[in-house]
Protein backbone atom coordinates (compact mmCIF):
# COMPACT_ATOMS: atom_id res chain seq x y z
CA MET A 1 -1.06 72.42 96.17
CA SER A 2 -0.28 68.93 97.49
CA GLU A 3 0.05 68.33 101.18
CA GLY A 4 3.79 67.71 100.87
CA GLY A 5 4.24 71.10 99.17
CA LYS A 6 2.30 72.87 101.88
CA THR A 7 4.28 71.17 104.59
CA ALA A 8 7.54 72.11 102.89
CA ILE A 9 6.47 75.76 102.61
CA GLU A 10 5.32 75.85 106.24
CA ALA A 11 8.58 74.37 107.41
CA ASN A 12 10.64 76.75 105.16
CA ASP A 13 12.17 73.66 103.44
CA GLU A 14 13.37 73.69 99.81
CA VAL A 15 10.91 72.13 97.40
CA VAL A 16 12.62 69.95 94.74
CA SER A 17 11.21 68.51 91.56
CA VAL A 18 10.45 64.80 91.16
CA ALA A 19 13.14 64.70 88.39
CA GLU A 20 15.77 66.07 90.72
CA VAL A 21 14.83 63.48 93.39
CA LYS A 22 15.10 60.73 90.78
CA ALA A 23 18.47 62.01 89.65
CA LEU A 24 19.77 62.22 93.21
CA LYS A 25 18.53 58.67 93.95
CA LYS A 26 20.25 57.44 90.80
CA ARG A 27 23.49 59.15 91.94
CA ILE A 28 23.19 57.50 95.36
CA ARG A 29 22.79 54.07 93.75
CA GLN A 30 25.87 54.72 91.61
CA LEU A 31 27.91 55.74 94.62
CA GLU A 32 26.70 52.78 96.67
CA ARG A 33 27.80 50.48 93.79
CA VAL A 34 31.24 52.14 93.59
CA LEU A 35 31.58 51.88 97.38
CA GLY A 36 30.68 48.21 97.22
CA ASN A 37 33.30 47.60 94.51
CA LYS A 38 35.96 49.42 96.53
CA THR A 39 35.07 47.44 99.67
CA LEU A 40 35.41 44.21 97.73
CA GLU A 41 38.78 45.40 96.27
CA VAL A 42 40.06 46.19 99.79
CA GLU A 43 39.06 42.73 100.99
CA ILE A 44 40.86 41.12 98.03
CA LEU A 45 44.01 43.17 98.68
CA LYS A 46 43.92 42.37 102.39
CA GLU A 47 43.67 38.66 101.62
CA ALA A 48 46.60 38.98 99.09
CA VAL A 49 48.77 40.71 101.70
CA ARG A 50 47.88 37.98 104.19
CA ILE A 51 48.87 35.27 101.76
CA GLY A 52 52.07 37.12 100.78
CA ARG A 53 53.08 37.39 104.49
CA GLU A 54 52.46 33.69 105.03
CA LYS A 55 54.54 32.71 102.03
CA LYS A 56 57.30 35.03 103.24
CA LEU A 57 57.29 33.34 106.64
CA ILE A 58 57.31 29.84 105.02
CA SER A 59 60.36 30.50 102.84
């Protein structure tokens, strides 16, 4: 058994397969990408609101 497996068993941690770790890392990357897109969307909307308020004050 590999050292990591022995350590996990000694610490009573759950042992997961490499495939599961890869799938979870892929999901994390997807979520980070979505979060980045949403953050950008919020910044664009904030700027649009700011411009809209400025135009309202001007007219």
